[in-house]
C-alpha atoms as a PDB file:
ATOM      1  CA  UNK A   1       2.344  -2.699 -90.923  1.00  0.00           C
ATOM      2  CA  UNK A   2       4.133  -3.375 -93.580  1.00  0.00           C
ATOM      3  CA  UNK A   3       4.696  -7.695 -95.579  1.00  0.00           C
ATOM      4  CA  UNK A   4       7.895  -6.887 -93.825  1.00  0.00           C
ATOM      5  CA  UNK A   5       7.355  -6.151 -90.194  1.00  0.00           C
ATOM      6  CA  UNK A   6       4.352  -8.171 -89.633  1.00  0.00           C
ATOM      7  CA  UNK A   7       7.052 -11.951 -91.066  1.00  0.00           C
ATOM      8  CA  UNK A   8      10.234 -10.232 -89.248  1.00  0.00           C
ATOM      9  CA  UNK A   9       7.678 -10.105 -86.208  1.00  0.00           C
ATOM     10  CA  UNK A  10       5.903 -13.750 -86.932  1.00  0.00           C
ATOM     11  CA  UNK A  11       9.532 -14.565 -86.423  1.00  0.00           C
ATOM     12  CA  UNK A  12      10.655 -12.904 -83.438  1.00  0.00           C
ATOM     13  CA  UNK A  13       6.908 -14.368 -81.662  1.00  0.00           C
ATOM     14  CA  UNK A  14       8.481 -18.085 -83.075  1.00  0.00           C
ATOM     15  CA  UNK A  15      11.490 -17.334 -81.148  1.00  0.00           C
ATOM     16  CA  UNK A  16       9.464 -16.259 -77.835  1.00  0.00           C
ATOM     17  CA  UNK A  17       9.067 -20.168 -77.268  1.00  0.00           C
ATOM     18  CA  UNK A  18      12.290 -20.553 -77.300  1.00  0.00           C
ATOM     19  CA  UNK A  19      14.153 -18.416 -74.682  1.00  0.00           C
ATOM     20  CA  UNK A  20      10.875 -19.759 -72.749  1.00  0.00           C
ATOM     21  CA  UNK A  21      12.513 -23.246 -72.910  1.00  0.00           C
ATOM     22  CA  UNK A  22      16.016 -21.462 -72.246  1.00  0.00           C
ATOM     23  CA  UNK A  23      14.451 -20.007 -68.683  1.00  0.00           C
ATOM     24  CA  UNK A  24      13.257 -24.031 -67.897  1.00  0.00           C
ATOM     25  CA  UNK A  25      17.236 -24.798 -68.704  1.00  0.00           C
ATOM     26  CA  UNK A  26      17.962 -22.440 -66.313  1.00  0.00           C
ATOM     27  CA  UNK A  27      15.639 -23.982 -63.235  1.00  0.00           C
ATOM     28  CA  UNK A  28      16.728 -27.362 -64.133  1.00  0.00           C
ATOM     29  CA  UNK A  29      20.489 -26.226 -63.280  1.00  0.00           C
ATOM     30  CA  UNK A  30      19.109 -24.728 -60.351  1.00  0.00           C
ATOM     31  CA  UNK A  31      16.730 -27.643 -58.934  1.00  0.00           C
ATOM     32  CA  UNK A  32      19.391 -30.553 -60.569  1.00  0.00           C
ATOM     33  CA  UNK A  33      22.336 -28.561 -59.011  1.00  0.00           C
ATOM     34  CA  UNK A  34      23.831 -29.602 -62.278  1.00  0.00           C
ATOM     35  CA  UNK A  35      27.264 -29.092 -62.222  1.00  0.00           C
ATOM     36  CA  UNK A  36      28.950 -26.564 -63.593  1.00  0.00           C
ATOM     37  CA  UNK A  37      26.189 -24.144 -63.335  1.00  0.00           C
ATOM     38  CA  UNK A  38      25.726 -23.343 -59.655  1.00  0.00           C
ATOM     39  CA  UNK A  39      29.472 -23.441 -59.441  1.00  0.00           C
ATOM     40  CA  UNK A  40      30.493 -21.514 -61.724  1.00  0.00           C
ATOM     41  CA  UNK A  41      29.633 -17.862 -61.485  1.00  0.00           C
ATOM     42  CA  UNK A  42      30.769 -16.193 -64.857  1.00  0.00           C
ATOM     43  CA  UNK A  43      28.826 -18.897 -66.454  1.00  0.00           C
ATOM     44  CA  UNK A  44      26.220 -18.795 -64.583  1.00  0.00           C
ATOM     45  CA  UNK A  45      25.593 -14.751 -64.846  1.00  0.00           C
ATOM     46  CA  UNK A  46      26.569 -15.432 -68.789  1.00  0.00           C
ATOM     47  CA  UNK A  47      23.836 -17.471 -68.259  1.00  0.00           C
ATOM     48  CA  UNK A  48      21.613 -15.079 -67.003  1.00  0.00           C
ATOM     49  CA  UNK A  49      22.561 -12.168 -68.993  1.00  0.00           C
ATOM     50  CA  UNK A  50      22.595 -13.996 -72.130  1.00  0.00           C
ATOM     51  CA  UNK A  51      17.982 -15.469 -70.911  1.00  0.00           C
ATOM     52  CA  UNK A  52      17.451 -12.598 -69.615  1.00  0.00           C
ATOM     53  CA  UNK A  53      18.786 -10.013 -72.999  1.00  0.00           C
ATOM     54  CA  UNK A  54      16.777 -12.489 -75.338  1.00  0.00           C
ATOM     55  CA  UNK A  55      13.498 -11.659 -73.409  1.00  0.00           C
ATOM     56  CA  UNK A  56      14.413  -7.726 -72.770  1.00  0.00           C
ATOM     57  CA  UNK A  57      15.493  -7.756 -76.183  1.00  0.00           C
ATOM     58  CA  UNK A  58      12.957  -9.757 -78.250  1.00  0.00           C
ATOM     59  CA  UNK A  59      10.326  -7.328 -77.014  1.00  0.00           C
ATOM     60  CA  UNK A  60      11.809  -4.355 -77.914  1.00  0.00           C
ATOM     61  CA  UNK A  61      12.226  -5.085 -81.311  1.00  0.00           C
ATOM     62  CA  UNK A  62       8.624  -6.374 -81.540  1.00  0.00           C
ATOM     63  CA  UNK A  63       7.593  -3.363 -80.462  1.00  0.00           C
ATOM     64  CA  UNK A  64       9.876  -1.042 -82.410  1.00  0.00           C
ATOM     65  CA  UNK A  65       8.317  -2.861 -85.934  1.00  0.00           C
ATOM     66  CA  UNK A  66       5.590  -0.407 -85.450  1.00  0.00           C
ATOM     67  CA  UNK A  67       7.669   2.165 -85.497  1.00  0.00           C
ATOM     68  CA  UNK A  68       9.945   1.531 -88.196  1.00  0.00           C
ATOM     69  CA  UNK A  69       7.393   1.670 -90.531  1.00  0.00           C
ATOM     70  CA  UNK A  70       5.786   4.995 -89.301  1.00  0.00           C
ATOM     71  CA  UNK A  71       9.094   6.375 -89.910  1.00  0.00           C
ATOM     72  CA  UNK A  72      10.816   8.817 -93.108  1.00  0.00           C
ATOM     73  CA  UNK A  73      12.967   6.224 -94.138  1.00  0.00           C
ATOM     74  CA  UNK A  74      13.715   4.797 -98.077  1.00  0.00           C
ATOM     75  CA  UNK A  75      12.591   1.363 -97.932  1.00  0.00           C
ATOM     76  CA  UNK A  76      15.510   0.457 -97.978  1.00  0.00           C
ATOM     77  CA  UNK A  77      16.578   2.158 -94.696  1.00  0.00           C
ATOM     78  CA  UNK A  78      13.785   0.944 -93.242  1.00  0.00           C
ATOM     79  CA  UNK A  79      14.998  -2.972 -94.159  1.00  0.00           C
ATOM     80  CA  UNK A  80      18.823  -2.178 -92.847  1.00  0.00           C
ATOM     81  CA  UNK A  81      16.693  -0.239 -89.345  1.00  0.00           C
ATOM     82  CA  UNK A  82      14.406  -3.564 -89.070  1.00  0.00           C
ATOM     83  CA  UNK A  83      17.732  -5.713 -89.694  1.00  0.00           C
ATOM     84  CA  UNK A  84      19.981  -4.326 -86.830  1.00  0.00           C
ATOM     85  CA  UNK A  85      17.202  -4.193 -84.254  1.00  0.00           C
ATOM     86  CA  UNK A  86      16.191  -8.095 -84.890  1.00  0.00           C
ATOM     87  CA  UNK A  87      19.782  -9.633 -84.800  1.00  0.00           C
ATOM     88  CA  UNK A  88      20.324  -7.641 -81.491  1.00  0.00           C
ATOM     89  CA  UNK A  89      18.705 -10.738 -79.870  1.00  0.00           C
ATOM     90  CA  UNK A  90      19.950 -13.009 -81.603  1.00  0.00           C
ATOM     91  CA  UNK A  91      23.720 -11.658 -81.223  1.00  0.00           C
ATOM     92  CA  UNK A  92      23.791 -11.418 -77.086  1.00  0.00           C
ATOM     93  CA  UNK A  93      21.897 -14.238 -75.849  1.00  0.00           C
ATOM     94  CA  UNK A  94      24.511 -16.201 -78.794  1.00  0.00           C
ATOM     95  CA  UNK A  95      27.862 -13.953 -77.329  1.00  0.00           C
ATOM     96  CA  UNK A  96      26.921 -14.488 -73.467  1.00  0.00           C
ATOM     97  CA  UNK A  97      25.621 -18.588 -74.111  1.00  0.00           C
ATOM     98  CA  UNK A  98      28.420 -19.478 -75.867  1.00  0.00           C
ATOM     99  CA  UNK A  99      31.377 -17.767 -75.254  1.00  0.00           C
ATOM    100  CA  UNK A 100      31.171 -20.448 -71.669  1.00  0.00           C
ATOM    101  CA  UNK A 101      29.605 -23.018 -73.235  1.00  0.00           C
ATOM    102  CA  UNK A 102      31.373 -25.707 -71.501  1.00  0.00           C
ATOM    103  CA  UNK A 103      31.117 -26.460 -67.345  1.00  0.00           C
ATOM    104  CA  UNK A 104      34.226 -25.699 -66.788  1.00  0.00           C
ATOM    105  CA  UNK A 105      34.842 -22.729 -69.131  1.00  0.00           C
ATOM    106  CA  UNK A 106      36.016 -19.437 -66.609  1.00  0.00           C
ATOM    107  CA  UNK A 107      36.264 -17.028 -68.741  1.00  0.00           C
ATOM    108  CA  UNK A 108      34.700 -15.987 -71.873  1.00  0.00           C
ATOM    109  CA  UNK A 109      35.756 -17.041 -75.598  1.00  0.00           C
ATOM    110  CA  UNK A 110      36.450 -15.163 -78.178  1.00  0.00           C
ATOM    111  CA  UNK A 111      32.524 -15.072 -78.856  1.00  0.00           C
ATOM    112  CA  UNK A 112      31.987 -13.020 -76.193  1.00  0.00           C
ATOM    113  CA  UNK A 113      31.986 -10.397 -79.014  1.00  0.00           C
ATOM    114  CA  UNK A 114      28.843 -11.479 -79.981  1.00  0.00           C
ATOM    115  CA  UNK A 115      27.496  -8.824 -76.931  1.00  0.00           C
ATOM    116  CA  UNK A 116      29.494  -6.199 -78.636  1.00  0.00           C
ATOM    117  CA  UNK A 117      28.328  -6.718 -82.013  1.00  0.00           C
ATOM    118  CA  UNK A 118      24.583  -7.146 -80.924  1.00  0.00           C
ATOM    119  CA  UNK A 119      24.968  -3.861 -79.022  1.00  0.00           C
ATOM    120  CA  UNK A 120      26.086  -2.424 -81.504  1.00  0.00           C
ATOM    121  CA  UNK A 121      23.250  -3.441 -84.355  1.00  0.00           C
ATOM    122  CA  UNK A 122      21.075  -2.530 -82.035  1.00  0.00           C
ATOM    123  CA  UNK A 123      22.531   0.645 -81.480  1.00  0.00           C
ATOM    124  CA  UNK A 124      22.889   1.678 -84.524  1.00  0.00           C
ATOM    125  CA  UNK A 125      19.244   0.075 -85.371  1.00  0.00           C
ATOM    126  CA  UNK A 126      17.910   2.542 -82.806  1.00  0.00           C
ATOM    127  CA  UNK A 127      19.565   5.486 -83.870  1.00  0.00           C
ATOM    128  CA  UNK A 128      17.836   4.849 -87.034  1.00  0.00           C
ATOM    129  CA  UNK A 129      15.461   4.012 -86.096  1.00  0.00           C
ATOM    130  CA  UNK A 130      15.198   8.172 -84.041  1.00  0.00           C
ATOM    131  CA  UNK A 131      16.611  10.109 -87.161  1.00  0.00           C
ATOM    132  CA  UNK A 132      13.257   8.534 -89.036  1.00  0.00           C
ATOM    133  CA  UNK A 133      10.209   9.318 -86.268  1.00  0.00           C
ATOM    134  CA  UNK A 134      12.620  13.180 -85.498  1.00  0.00           C
END
């Protein structure tokens, strides 16, 4: 594995406890019946989606890093692909969480666009990785 992929993997692994803490926070909201979570279906749904996407996408990015170094892409394209794939587990959960940050929010704010940006980043990064592997 290249030094760039190793350091990126290290950063991603450091985020795993943050994802676990997020899960504990969601559980605390449920167990303590904290206002603004169980009684707010929009916020509850978006926060659950944010937590799920964070966990799955961190794992996906870790696996993808193993393949990036195996491609015939230039070093610049490998770096871009790595960045695009790693941006998704940051941008998408942020969009889900920050778009309904206040307990009274019943509609997502414009920050929900971070989810789309993360999706575009994930799509472009995986397309580049796939092309590099073919």
